Amino acid sequence: MTAAAPALDLKEEILALKQARNAVILAHNYQTGDIQDVADYVGDSLGLAYHAKETSADVIVFCGVHFMAETAKIVNPGKIVVLPDADAGCSLEQSCPAPDLEAFLKANAEKNYYVIAYINCSAGVKALCDVIVTSGNACKIVNKAPADRPILFVPDENLGAWVMEQTGRKMDLWKGNCYVHVEFTRESIRRIKDEYPEALVVAHPECTQAVRLLADEVCSTEKMIGFCRNAPVKDIIVVTESGMLHRLSKECPDKNLIAGPTDRCACADCRYMKMNTLQKLRDCLANLAPRVEMDEAVRSRAEAPLLRMLEQSK
């Protein structure tokens, strides 16, 4: 680890290292603004998955959380995949360990579940599933699931419940959630609505049903851009992780974007997403570490449901 440098110098060094390594920098919408600003592509999990699959770069630098970098490695086994902080995890991933899911499926083998996994899970969980989804394509892919098999949806019970509401498909839901999105409450959103009575509310489907019912639109982070851009009002309350407001402010400069508050703070930060910094980004490019590695048997099994998702999303 090198000593911290001024932000401007760090950005110049990152861009030089990126060129020298023939690297591509992918950043999730929840990353800090300074990281988003040096990335080659900023987006949601679906867009990032497509870019990871299609890149011709030798090195993929994934500014997000660990499962996202793992996803890039799954579809690019011959490339070097690094992430700024190896400890950047995810509460959803942690809520569904692969051994627990495997044991559940064995104990319920007679049900012959069609297993649909939200992309926010480990490679080990992906390897046990039939197809992967993101919040942006979940309804489309659930509608394509076999009609003659019960569905098990893992690991996000809130996204799963929303998909059931949208599609009418019955699913059994794994009891997992995003710790950030469940911090938004009906009361916290009502309070901010009282401050901005003309505002529209856009919320992520990882929120609880009580919050989703207060929203004018429930959608993925990528679809939030179109909603905010086309909204007939200036004030928009954005109920998702705070990093999204940086992207929205660039895409929709004429809107007054208001961070959805929780009961304990004015906005919601994911402690895992915010573990990445410009300094760590520079260091992982310089050292090509931390690297994402995985057992080939797991990788190849996890690749099939990911490719199925990309095909069914077209």
C-alpha atoms as a PDB file:
ATOM      1  CA  MET A   1       0.000   0.000   0.000  1.00  0.00           C
ATOM      2  CA  THR A   2       1.370   3.371  -0.981  1.00  0.00           C
ATOM      3  CA  ALA A   3       0.834   6.638   0.824  1.00  0.00           C
ATOM      4  CA  ALA A   4      -2.320   8.517  -0.112  1.00  0.00           C
ATOM      5  CA  ALA A   5      -1.888  10.987  -2.966  1.00  0.00           C
ATOM      6  CA  PRO A   6      -4.010  14.039  -3.875  1.00  0.00           C
ATOM      7  CA  ALA A   7      -7.172  13.081  -5.742  1.00  0.00           C
ATOM      8  CA  LEU A   8      -6.078  14.732  -8.999  1.00  0.00           C
ATOM      9  CA  ASP A   9      -2.753  12.888  -8.989  1.00  0.00           C
ATOM     10  CA  LEU A  10      -4.528   9.646  -8.178  1.00  0.00           C
ATOM     11  CA  LYS A  11      -6.914  10.033 -11.095  1.00  0.00           C
ATOM     12  CA  GLU A  12      -4.035  10.705 -13.489  1.00  0.00           C
ATOM     13  CA  GLU A  13      -2.143   7.683 -12.153  1.00  0.00           C
ATOM     14  CA  ILE A  14      -5.228   5.473 -12.405  1.00  0.00           C
ATOM     15  CA  LEU A  15      -5.771   6.446 -16.034  1.00  0.00           C
ATOM     16  CA  ALA A  16      -2.102   5.833 -16.862  1.00  0.00           C
ATOM     17  CA  LEU A  17      -2.115   2.439 -15.143  1.00  0.00           C
ATOM     18  CA  LYS A  18      -5.347   1.516 -16.877  1.00  0.00           C
ATOM     19  CA  GLN A  19      -3.769   2.156 -20.265  1.00  0.00           C
ATOM     20  CA  ALA A  20      -0.569   0.319 -19.347  1.00  0.00           C
ATOM     21  CA  ARG A  21      -2.483  -2.739 -18.108  1.00  0.00           C
ATOM     22  CA  ASN A  22      -5.032  -2.706 -20.950  1.00  0.00           C
ATOM     23  CA  ALA A  23      -7.639  -2.606 -18.210  1.00  0.00           C
ATOM     24  CA  VAL A  24     -11.288  -1.656 -18.071  1.00  0.00           C
ATOM     25  CA  ILE A  25     -12.788  -0.079 -14.948  1.00  0.00           C
ATOM     26  CA  LEU A  26     -16.376  -1.086 -14.197  1.00  0.00           C
ATOM     27  CA  ALA A  27     -18.218   0.679 -11.385  1.00  0.00           C
ATOM     28  CA  HIS A  28     -21.577   0.051  -9.785  1.00  0.00           C
ATOM     29  CA  ASN A  29     -24.050   2.903  -9.361  1.00  0.00           C
ATOM     30  CA  TYR A  30     -23.501   2.755  -5.587  1.00  0.00           C
ATOM     31  CA  GLN A  31     -19.791   3.600  -5.744  1.00  0.00           C
ATOM     32  CA  THR A  32     -18.572   7.004  -4.594  1.00  0.00           C
ATOM     33  CA  GLY A  33     -18.680   9.790  -7.143  1.00  0.00           C
ATOM     34  CA  ASP A  34     -14.907  10.032  -7.587  1.00  0.00           C
ATOM     35  CA  ILE A  35     -14.741   6.342  -8.546  1.00  0.00           C
ATOM     36  CA  GLN A  36     -17.706   6.651 -10.899  1.00  0.00           C
ATOM     37  CA  ASP A  37     -15.981   9.569 -12.602  1.00  0.00           C
ATOM     38  CA  VAL A  38     -12.871   7.540 -13.566  1.00  0.00           C
ATOM     39  CA  ALA A  39     -14.773   4.404 -14.614  1.00  0.00           C
ATOM     40  CA  ASP A  40     -15.215   3.312 -18.213  1.00  0.00           C
ATOM     41  CA  TYR A  41     -18.738   2.147 -17.456  1.00  0.00           C
ATOM     42  CA  VAL A  42     -21.090   2.866 -14.560  1.00  0.00           C
ATOM     43  CA  GLY A  43     -24.299   0.907 -14.204  1.00  0.00           C
ATOM     44  CA  ASP A  44     -26.453  -1.657 -12.475  1.00  0.00           C
ATOM     45  CA  SER A  45     -25.750  -5.361 -12.135  1.00  0.00           C
ATOM     46  CA  LEU A  46     -27.297  -6.259 -15.490  1.00  0.00           C
ATOM     47  CA  GLY A  47     -25.375  -3.650 -17.467  1.00  0.00           C
ATOM     48  CA  LEU A  48     -22.176  -4.527 -15.640  1.00  0.00           C
ATOM     49  CA  ALA A  49     -22.655  -8.217 -16.416  1.00  0.00           C
ATOM     50  CA  TYR A  50     -23.021  -7.462 -20.133  1.00  0.00           C
ATOM     51  CA  HIS A  51     -19.936  -5.243 -20.153  1.00  0.00           C
ATOM     52  CA  ALA A  52     -17.897  -7.809 -18.242  1.00  0.00           C
ATOM     53  CA  LYS A  53     -18.885 -10.471 -20.782  1.00  0.00           C
ATOM     54  CA  GLU A  54     -18.123  -8.329 -23.835  1.00  0.00           C
ATOM     55  CA  THR A  55     -14.915  -6.545 -22.833  1.00  0.00           C
ATOM     56  CA  SER A  56     -11.728  -7.081 -24.819  1.00  0.00           C
ATOM     57  CA  ALA A  57      -9.537  -5.774 -21.974  1.00  0.00           C
ATOM     58  CA  ASP A  58      -6.906  -8.027 -20.402  1.00  0.00           C
ATOM     59  CA  VAL A  59      -7.715  -6.799 -16.885  1.00  0.00           C
ATOM     60  CA  ILE A  60     -11.145  -6.106 -15.388  1.00  0.00           C
ATOM     61  CA  VAL A  61     -11.152  -3.796 -12.383  1.00  0.00           C
ATOM     62  CA  PHE A  62     -14.492  -4.160 -10.671  1.00  0.00           C
ATOM     63  CA  CYS A  63     -15.448  -1.311  -8.365  1.00  0.00           C
ATOM     64  CA  GLY A  64     -18.351  -2.805  -6.486  1.00  0.00           C
ATOM     65  CA  VAL A  65     -18.664  -5.670  -4.060  1.00  0.00           C
ATOM     66  CA  HIS A  66     -17.115  -9.124  -4.164  1.00  0.00           C
ATOM     67  CA  PHE A  67     -19.948 -11.044  -5.821  1.00  0.00           C
ATOM     68  CA  MET A  68     -19.858  -8.575  -8.732  1.00  0.00           C
ATOM     69  CA  ALA A  69     -16.158  -9.160  -9.361  1.00  0.00           C
ATOM     70  CA  GLU A  70     -16.820 -12.889  -9.051  1.00  0.00           C
ATOM     71  CA  THR A  71     -19.505 -12.592 -11.719  1.00  0.00           C
ATOM     72  CA  ALA A  72     -16.990 -10.945 -14.061  1.00  0.00           C
ATOM     73  CA  LYS A  73     -14.529 -13.792 -13.430  1.00  0.00           C
ATOM     74  CA  ILE A  74     -17.190 -16.425 -14.075  1.00  0.00           C
ATOM     75  CA  VAL A  75     -17.708 -15.170 -17.631  1.00  0.00           C
ATOM     76  CA  ASN A  76     -14.016 -14.276 -18.169  1.00  0.00           C
ATOM     77  CA  PRO A  77     -11.987 -17.190 -16.791  1.00  0.00           C
ATOM     78  CA  GLY A  78      -8.911 -16.234 -18.824  1.00  0.00           C
ATOM     79  CA  LYS A  79      -8.785 -12.615 -17.710  1.00  0.00           C
ATOM     80  CA  ILE A  80      -7.368 -11.032 -14.587  1.00  0.00           C
ATOM     81  CA  VAL A  81     -10.191  -9.691 -12.400  1.00  0.00           C
ATOM     82  CA  VAL A  82      -9.341  -7.447  -9.470  1.00  0.00           C
ATOM     83  CA  LEU A  83     -11.335  -5.361  -7.027  1.00  0.00           C
ATOM     84  CA  PRO A  84     -10.100  -2.516  -4.849  1.00  0.00           C
ATOM     85  CA  ASP A  85     -11.073  -4.107  -1.505  1.00  0.00           C
ATOM     86  CA  ALA A  86     -11.436  -7.880  -1.148  1.00  0.00           C
ATOM     87  CA  ASP A  87     -13.489  -7.411   2.024  1.00  0.00           C
ATOM     88  CA  ALA A  88     -16.272  -5.515   0.234  1.00  0.00           C
ATOM     89  CA  GLY A  89     -19.046  -8.048   0.796  1.00  0.00           C
ATOM     90  CA  CYS A  90     -22.850  -8.017   0.656  1.00  0.00           C
ATOM     91  CA  SER A  91     -25.491  -8.798   3.263  1.00  0.00           C
ATOM     92  CA  LEU A  92     -27.568 -10.587   0.637  1.00  0.00           C
ATOM     93  CA  GLU A  93     -24.674 -12.834  -0.331  1.00  0.00           C
ATOM     94  CA  GLN A  94     -24.009 -13.547   3.335  1.00  0.00           C
ATOM     95  CA  SER A  95     -27.653 -14.449   3.971  1.00  0.00           C
ATOM     96  CA  CYS A  96     -27.500 -17.456   1.635  1.00  0.00           C
ATOM     97  CA  PRO A  97     -24.333 -19.544   2.047  1.00  0.00           C
ATOM     98  CA  ALA A  98     -23.944 -22.163  -0.670  1.00  0.00           C
ATOM     99  CA  PRO A  99     -23.794 -25.095   1.797  1.00  0.00           C
ATOM    100  CA  ASP A 100     -27.110 -23.985   3.339  1.00  0.00           C
ATOM    101  CA  LEU A 101     -28.807 -23.754  -0.041  1.00  0.00           C
ATOM    102  CA  GLU A 102     -27.407 -27.114  -1.106  1.00  0.00           C
ATOM    103  CA  ALA A 103     -28.666 -28.744   2.096  1.00  0.00           C
ATOM    104  CA  PHE A 104     -32.113 -27.163   1.638  1.00  0.00           C
ATOM    105  CA  LEU A 105     -32.376 -28.401  -1.927  1.00  0.00           C
ATOM    106  CA  LYS A 106     -31.350 -31.926  -0.905  1.00  0.00           C
ATOM    107  CA  ALA A 107     -33.873 -31.933   1.948  1.00  0.00           C
ATOM    108  CA  ASN A 108     -36.598 -30.821  -0.493  1.00  0.00           C
ATOM    109  CA  ALA A 109     -35.484 -32.829  -3.516  1.00  0.00           C
ATOM    110  CA  GLU A 110     -38.999 -34.159  -4.097  1.00  0.00           C
ATOM    111  CA  LYS A 111     -40.196 -30.625  -4.959  1.00  0.00           C
ATOM    112  CA  ASN A 112     -37.820 -30.394  -7.929  1.00  0.00           C
ATOM    113  CA  TYR A 113     -37.417 -26.654  -7.471  1.00  0.00           C
ATOM    114  CA  TYR A 114     -36.577 -24.385 -10.380  1.00  0.00           C
ATOM    115  CA  VAL A 115     -34.039 -22.203  -8.567  1.00  0.00           C
ATOM    116  CA  ILE A 116     -33.822 -18.535  -9.509  1.00  0.00           C
ATOM    117  CA  ALA A 117     -31.025 -16.553  -7.878  1.00  0.00           C
ATOM    118  CA  TYR A 118     -30.703 -12.804  -7.631  1.00  0.00           C
ATOM    119  CA  ILE A 119     -27.230 -11.931  -8.875  1.00  0.00           C
ATOM    120  CA  ASN A 120     -26.350 -10.717  -5.346  1.00  0.00           C
ATOM    121  CA  CYS A 121     -25.023 -14.131  -4.323  1.00  0.00           C
ATOM    122  CA  SER A 122     -21.794 -16.113  -4.348  1.00  0.00           C
ATOM    123  CA  ALA A 123     -20.448 -18.195  -7.207  1.00  0.00           C
ATOM    124  CA  GLY A 124     -21.248 -21.264  -5.115  1.00  0.00           C
ATOM    125  CA  VAL A 125     -24.919 -20.292  -4.969  1.00  0.00           C
ATOM    126  CA  LYS A 126     -25.011 -19.441  -8.667  1.00  0.00           C
ATOM    127  CA  ALA A 127     -23.653 -22.927  -9.371  1.00  0.00           C
ATOM    128  CA  LEU A 128     -26.717 -24.452  -7.658  1.00  0.00           C
ATOM    129  CA  CYS A 129     -29.251 -22.410  -9.638  1.00  0.00           C
ATOM    130  CA  ASP A 130     -31.108 -22.721 -12.919  1.00  0.00           C
ATOM    131  CA  VAL A 131     -30.983 -19.045 -13.866  1.00  0.00           C
ATOM    132  CA  ILE A 132     -29.764 -15.729 -12.469  1.00  0.00           C
ATOM    133  CA  VAL A 133     -31.724 -12.464 -12.399  1.00  0.00           C
ATOM    134  CA  THR A 134     -31.106  -8.820 -11.623  1.00  0.00           C
ATOM    135  CA  SER A 135     -33.658  -6.314 -10.403  1.00  0.00           C
ATOM    136  CA  GLY A 136     -33.833  -5.027 -13.967  1.00  0.00           C
ATOM    137  CA  ASN A 137     -34.788  -8.324 -15.621  1.00  0.00           C
ATOM    138  CA  ALA A 138     -36.287 -10.420 -12.817  1.00  0.00           C
ATOM    139  CA  CYS A 139     -39.905 -10.131 -13.952  1.00  0.00           C
ATOM    140  CA  LYS A 140     -39.078 -11.032 -17.557  1.00  0.00           C
ATOM    141  CA  ILE A 141     -37.075 -14.097 -16.539  1.00  0.00           C
ATOM    142  CA  VAL A 142     -39.552 -15.307 -13.917  1.00  0.00           C
ATOM    143  CA  ASN A 143     -42.268 -15.152 -16.573  1.00  0.00           C
ATOM    144  CA  LYS A 144     -40.139 -17.518 -18.677  1.00  0.00           C
ATOM    145  CA  ALA A 145     -39.682 -20.067 -15.875  1.00  0.00           C
ATOM    146  CA  PRO A 146     -41.196 -23.540 -16.426  1.00  0.00           C
ATOM    147  CA  ALA A 147     -44.878 -23.558 -15.493  1.00  0.00           C
ATOM    148  CA  ASP A 148     -44.751 -27.140 -14.219  1.00  0.00           C
ATOM    149  CA  ARG A 149     -42.062 -26.620 -11.537  1.00  0.00           C
ATOM    150  CA  PRO A 150     -42.229 -24.726  -8.234  1.00  0.00           C
ATOM    151  CA  ILE A 151     -39.852 -21.775  -8.023  1.00  0.00           C
ATOM    152  CA  LEU A 152     -37.404 -21.109  -5.230  1.00  0.00           C
ATOM    153  CA  PHE A 153     -36.182 -17.487  -5.301  1.00  0.00           C
ATOM    154  CA  VAL A 154     -32.937 -16.707  -3.456  1.00  0.00           C
ATOM    155  CA  PRO A 155     -31.687 -14.771  -1.569  1.00  0.00           C
ATOM    156  CA  ASP A 156     -33.756 -11.534  -1.459  1.00  0.00           C
ATOM    157  CA  GLU A 157     -37.247 -11.981  -0.034  1.00  0.00           C
ATOM    158  CA  ASN A 158     -38.234  -8.359  -0.796  1.00  0.00           C
ATOM    159  CA  LEU A 159     -37.243  -8.445  -4.453  1.00  0.00           C
ATOM    160  CA  GLY A 160     -38.901 -11.868  -4.692  1.00  0.00           C
ATOM    161  CA  ALA A 161     -42.133 -10.574  -3.166  1.00  0.00           C
ATOM    162  CA  TRP A 162     -42.174  -7.637  -5.603  1.00  0.00           C
ATOM    163  CA  VAL A 163     -41.628  -9.975  -8.553  1.00  0.00           C
ATOM    164  CA  MET A 164     -44.545 -12.117  -7.379  1.00  0.00           C
ATOM    165  CA  GLU A 165     -46.721  -8.991  -7.237  1.00  0.00           C
ATOM    166  CA  GLN A 166     -45.708  -8.034 -10.775  1.00  0.00           C
ATOM    167  CA  THR A 167     -45.900 -11.452 -12.428  1.00  0.00           C
ATOM    168  CA  GLY A 168     -48.479 -13.381 -10.418  1.00  0.00           C
ATOM    169  CA  ARG A 169     -46.044 -16.309 -10.246  1.00  0.00           C
ATOM    170  CA  LYS A 170     -46.009 -18.067  -6.887  1.00  0.00           C
ATOM    171  CA  MET A 171     -42.511 -18.528  -5.514  1.00  0.00           C
ATOM    172  CA  ASP A 172     -40.984 -19.791  -2.294  1.00  0.00           C
ATOM    173  CA  LEU A 173     -38.677 -17.084  -0.940  1.00  0.00           C
ATOM    174  CA  TRP A 174     -35.359 -17.436   0.844  1.00  0.00           C
ATOM    175  CA  LYS A 175     -35.237 -15.288   3.977  1.00  0.00           C
ATOM    176  CA  GLY A 176     -32.563 -12.799   3.008  1.00  0.00           C
ATOM    177  CA  ASN A 177     -32.477  -9.037   2.525  1.00  0.00           C
ATOM    178  CA  CYS A 178     -30.249  -6.058   1.802  1.00  0.00           C
ATOM    179  CA  TYR A 179     -29.452  -4.450   5.132  1.00  0.00           C
ATOM    180  CA  VAL A 180     -29.401  -0.988   3.499  1.00  0.00           C
ATOM    181  CA  HIS A 181     -32.782  -1.153   1.781  1.00  0.00           C
ATOM    182  CA  VAL A 182     -34.648  -2.549   4.783  1.00  0.00           C
ATOM    183  CA  GLU A 183     -33.555   0.518   6.776  1.00  0.00           C
ATOM    184  CA  PHE A 184     -36.002   2.632   4.784  1.00  0.00           C
ATOM    185  CA  THR A 185     -39.344   2.608   6.591  1.00  0.00           C
ATOM    186  CA  ARG A 186     -42.871   3.757   5.879  1.00  0.00           C
ATOM    187  CA  GLU A 187     -42.442   6.436   8.544  1.00  0.00           C
ATOM    188  CA  SER A 188     -39.120   7.753   7.219  1.00  0.00           C
ATOM    189  CA  ILE A 189     -40.491   8.066   3.676  1.00  0.00           C
ATOM    190  CA  ARG A 190     -43.728   9.670   4.861  1.00  0.00           C
ATOM    191  CA  ARG A 191     -41.718  12.296   6.758  1.00  0.00           C
ATOM    192  CA  ILE A 192     -39.709  13.297   3.698  1.00  0.00           C
ATOM    193  CA  LYS A 193     -42.900  13.320   1.615  1.00  0.00           C
ATOM    194  CA  ASP A 194     -44.382  15.788   4.113  1.00  0.00           C
ATOM    195  CA  GLU A 195     -41.387  18.070   3.468  1.00  0.00           C
ATOM    196  CA  TYR A 196     -41.776  17.769  -0.308  1.00  0.00           C
ATOM    197  CA  PRO A 197     -45.485  17.155  -0.891  1.00  0.00           C
ATOM    198  CA  GLU A 198     -45.218  17.548  -4.686  1.00  0.00           C
ATOM    199  CA  ALA A 199     -42.299  15.141  -4.994  1.00  0.00           C
ATOM    200  CA  LEU A 200     -42.490  11.778  -6.715  1.00  0.00           C
ATOM    201  CA  VAL A 201     -40.943   8.752  -5.027  1.00  0.00           C
ATOM    202  CA  VAL A 202     -38.859   6.154  -6.853  1.00  0.00           C
ATOM    203  CA  ALA A 203     -37.749   3.107  -4.863  1.00  0.00           C
ATOM    204  CA  HIS A 204     -35.672   0.007  -5.408  1.00  0.00           C
ATOM    205  CA  PRO A 205     -37.520  -3.348  -5.178  1.00  0.00           C
ATOM    206  CA  GLU A 206     -35.142  -4.487  -2.426  1.00  0.00           C
ATOM    207  CA  CYS A 207     -37.167  -2.196  -0.146  1.00  0.00           C
ATOM    208  CA  THR A 208     -39.927  -3.661   2.012  1.00  0.00           C
ATOM    209  CA  GLN A 209     -43.499  -3.768   0.748  1.00  0.00           C
ATOM    210  CA  ALA A 210     -44.482  -0.979   3.177  1.00  0.00           C
ATOM    211  CA  VAL A 211     -42.024   1.340   1.422  1.00  0.00           C
ATOM    212  CA  ARG A 212     -42.774   0.087  -2.091  1.00  0.00           C
ATOM    213  CA  LEU A 213     -46.462   0.929  -1.571  1.00  0.00           C
ATOM    214  CA  LEU A 214     -45.516   4.585  -1.013  1.00  0.00           C
ATOM    215  CA  ALA A 215     -43.511   4.796  -4.237  1.00  0.00           C
ATOM    216  CA  ASP A 216     -44.721   6.183  -7.543  1.00  0.00           C
ATOM    217  CA  GLU A 217     -42.292   3.861  -9.291  1.00  0.00           C
ATOM    218  CA  VAL A 218     -40.412   0.737  -8.171  1.00  0.00           C
ATOM    219  CA  CYS A 219     -37.502  -0.198 -10.413  1.00  0.00           C
ATOM    220  CA  SER A 220     -33.828  -1.045 -10.790  1.00  0.00           C
ATOM    221  CA  THR A 221     -31.209   1.664 -10.421  1.00  0.00           C
ATOM    222  CA  GLU A 222     -30.720   1.838 -14.192  1.00  0.00           C
ATOM    223  CA  LYS A 223     -34.430   2.319 -14.832  1.00  0.00           C
ATOM    224  CA  MET A 224     -34.457   5.088 -12.210  1.00  0.00           C
ATOM    225  CA  ILE A 225     -32.556   7.262 -14.678  1.00  0.00           C
ATOM    226  CA  GLY A 226     -35.338   7.216 -17.248  1.00  0.00           C
ATOM    227  CA  PHE A 227     -37.988   7.727 -14.585  1.00  0.00           C
ATOM    228  CA  CYS A 228     -36.228  10.762 -13.117  1.00  0.00           C
ATOM    229  CA  ARG A 229     -35.382  12.244 -16.503  1.00  0.00           C
ATOM    230  CA  ASN A 230     -38.991  12.028 -17.700  1.00  0.00           C
ATOM    231  CA  ALA A 231     -40.718  12.899 -14.421  1.00  0.00           C
ATOM    232  CA  PRO A 232     -43.134  15.839 -14.787  1.00  0.00           C
ATOM    233  CA  VAL A 233     -41.978  17.341 -11.464  1.00  0.00           C
ATOM    234  CA  LYS A 234     -38.686  18.796 -10.260  1.00  0.00           C
ATOM    235  CA  ASP A 235     -38.525  17.136  -6.825  1.00  0.00           C
ATOM    236  CA  ILE A 236     -37.838  13.387  -6.752  1.00  0.00           C
ATOM    237  CA  ILE A 237     -37.218  11.314  -3.628  1.00  0.00           C
ATOM    238  CA  VAL A 238     -34.777   8.508  -4.442  1.00  0.00           C
ATOM    239  CA  VAL A 239     -35.134   5.509  -2.138  1.00  0.00           C
ATOM    240  CA  THR A 240     -31.977   3.483  -2.633  1.00  0.00           C
ATOM    241  CA  GLU A 241     -28.299   3.589  -1.695  1.00  0.00           C
ATOM    242  CA  SER A 242     -26.871   7.113  -1.695  1.00  0.00           C
ATOM    243  CA  GLY A 243     -24.285   6.560  -4.442  1.00  0.00           C
ATOM    244  CA  MET A 244     -27.078   6.525  -7.005  1.00  0.00           C
ATOM    245  CA  LEU A 245     -27.623  10.258  -6.554  1.00  0.00           C
ATOM    246  CA  HIS A 246     -24.233  11.062  -8.102  1.00  0.00           C
ATOM    247  CA  ARG A 247     -25.150   9.228 -11.306  1.00  0.00           C
ATOM    248  CA  LEU A 248     -28.658  10.717 -11.325  1.00  0.00           C
ATOM    249  CA  SER A 249     -27.381  14.256 -10.785  1.00  0.00           C
ATOM    250  CA  LYS A 250     -25.222  13.916 -13.907  1.00  0.00           C
ATOM    251  CA  GLU A 251     -27.972  12.325 -15.990  1.00  0.00           C
ATOM    252  CA  CYS A 252     -30.804  14.572 -14.743  1.00  0.00           C
ATOM    253  CA  PRO A 253     -29.229  17.950 -13.881  1.00  0.00           C
ATOM    254  CA  ASP A 254     -32.536  19.803 -13.943  1.00  0.00           C
ATOM    255  CA  LYS A 255     -34.073  17.706 -11.146  1.00  0.00           C
ATOM    256  CA  ASN A 256     -33.934  18.236  -7.390  1.00  0.00           C
ATOM    257  CA  LEU A 257     -32.911  14.767  -6.240  1.00  0.00           C
ATOM    258  CA  ILE A 258     -33.625  14.053  -2.592  1.00  0.00           C
ATOM    259  CA  ALA A 259     -32.009  11.122  -0.808  1.00  0.00           C
ATOM    260  CA  GLY A 260     -34.568   8.873   0.809  1.00  0.00           C
ATOM    261  CA  PRO A 261     -33.886   8.972   4.565  1.00  0.00           C
ATOM    262  CA  THR A 262     -33.950   6.126   7.060  1.00  0.00           C
ATOM    263  CA  ASP A 263     -35.050   6.405  10.669  1.00  0.00           C
ATOM    264  CA  ARG A 264     -31.459   6.916  11.759  1.00  0.00           C
ATOM    265  CA  CYS A 265     -29.863   9.029   9.038  1.00  0.00           C
ATOM    266  CA  ALA A 266     -30.586  11.414   6.168  1.00  0.00           C
ATOM    267  CA  CYS A 267     -29.438   8.944   3.521  1.00  0.00           C
ATOM    268  CA  ALA A 268     -28.450   5.299   3.221  1.00  0.00           C
ATOM    269  CA  ASP A 269     -24.826   4.309   2.653  1.00  0.00           C
ATOM    270  CA  CYS A 270     -23.747   0.707   2.062  1.00  0.00           C
ATOM    271  CA  ARG A 271     -20.689   0.158   4.229  1.00  0.00           C
ATOM    272  CA  TYR A 272     -19.448  -2.484   1.771  1.00  0.00           C
ATOM    273  CA  MET A 273     -19.796  -0.375  -1.369  1.00  0.00           C
ATOM    274  CA  LYS A 274     -18.030   2.487   0.372  1.00  0.00           C
ATOM    275  CA  MET A 275     -14.998   0.347   1.300  1.00  0.00           C
ATOM    276  CA  ASN A 276     -13.565   1.034  -2.162  1.00  0.00           C
ATOM    277  CA  THR A 277     -11.573   4.256  -2.530  1.00  0.00           C
ATOM    278  CA  LEU A 278      -9.544   5.951  -5.265  1.00  0.00           C
ATOM    279  CA  GLN A 279      -6.351   4.981  -3.444  1.00  0.00           C
ATOM    280  CA  LYS A 280      -7.377   1.318  -3.324  1.00  0.00           C
ATOM    281  CA  LEU A 281      -8.381   1.498  -6.984  1.00  0.00           C
ATOM    282  CA  ARG A 282      -4.943   2.830  -7.875  1.00  0.00           C
ATOM    283  CA  ASP A 283      -3.225   0.155  -5.792  1.00  0.00           C
ATOM    284  CA  CYS A 284      -5.178  -2.754  -7.263  1.00  0.00           C
ATOM    285  CA  LEU A 285      -4.280  -1.563 -10.770  1.00  0.00           C
ATOM    286  CA  ALA A 286      -0.622  -1.215  -9.837  1.00  0.00           C
ATOM    287  CA  ASN A 287      -0.390  -4.569  -8.044  1.00  0.00           C
ATOM    288  CA  LEU A 288      -3.063  -6.503  -9.967  1.00  0.00           C
ATOM    289  CA  ALA A 289      -4.412  -7.550  -6.603  1.00  0.00           C
ATOM    290  CA  PRO A 290      -6.626  -8.473  -4.817  1.00  0.00           C
ATOM    291  CA  ARG A 291      -7.497 -10.975  -7.558  1.00  0.00           C
ATOM    292  CA  VAL A 292     -10.664 -13.004  -7.846  1.00  0.00           C
ATOM    293  CA  GLU A 293      -9.953 -16.717  -8.192  1.00  0.00           C
ATOM    294  CA  MET A 294     -12.268 -19.697  -7.948  1.00  0.00           C
ATOM    295  CA  ASP A 295     -12.447 -23.415  -8.421  1.00  0.00           C
ATOM    296  CA  GLU A 296     -13.000 -24.213 -12.104  1.00  0.00           C
ATOM    297  CA  ALA A 297     -15.741 -26.744 -11.351  1.00  0.00           C
ATOM    298  CA  VAL A 298     -17.712 -24.094  -9.460  1.00  0.00           C
ATOM    299  CA  ARG A 299     -17.001 -21.451 -12.106  1.00  0.00           C
ATOM    300  CA  SER A 300     -18.203 -23.597 -14.990  1.00  0.00           C
ATOM    301  CA  ARG A 301     -21.411 -24.577 -13.179  1.00  0.00           C
ATOM    302  CA  ALA A 302     -22.074 -20.953 -12.235  1.00  0.00           C
ATOM    303  CA  GLU A 303     -21.488 -19.773 -15.803  1.00  0.00           C
ATOM    304  CA  ALA A 304     -24.453 -21.685 -17.266  1.00  0.00           C
ATOM    305  CA  PRO A 305     -27.227 -19.857 -15.329  1.00  0.00           C
ATOM    306  CA  LEU A 306     -25.466 -16.517 -15.902  1.00  0.00           C
ATOM    307  CA  LEU A 307     -25.331 -17.040 -19.648  1.00  0.00           C
ATOM    308  CA  ARG A 308     -28.963 -18.179 -19.538  1.00  0.00           C
ATOM    309  CA  MET A 309     -29.829 -14.846 -17.903  1.00  0.00           C
ATOM    310  CA  LEU A 310     -27.956 -12.836 -20.516  1.00  0.00           C
ATOM    311  CA  GLU A 311     -29.684 -14.743 -23.312  1.00  0.00           C
ATOM    312  CA  GLN A 312     -33.181 -14.447 -21.799  1.00  0.00           C
ATOM    313  CA  SER A 313     -32.673 -10.710 -21.113  1.00  0.00           C
ATOM    314  CA  LYS A 314     -32.339  -9.842 -24.806  1.00  0.00           C
END
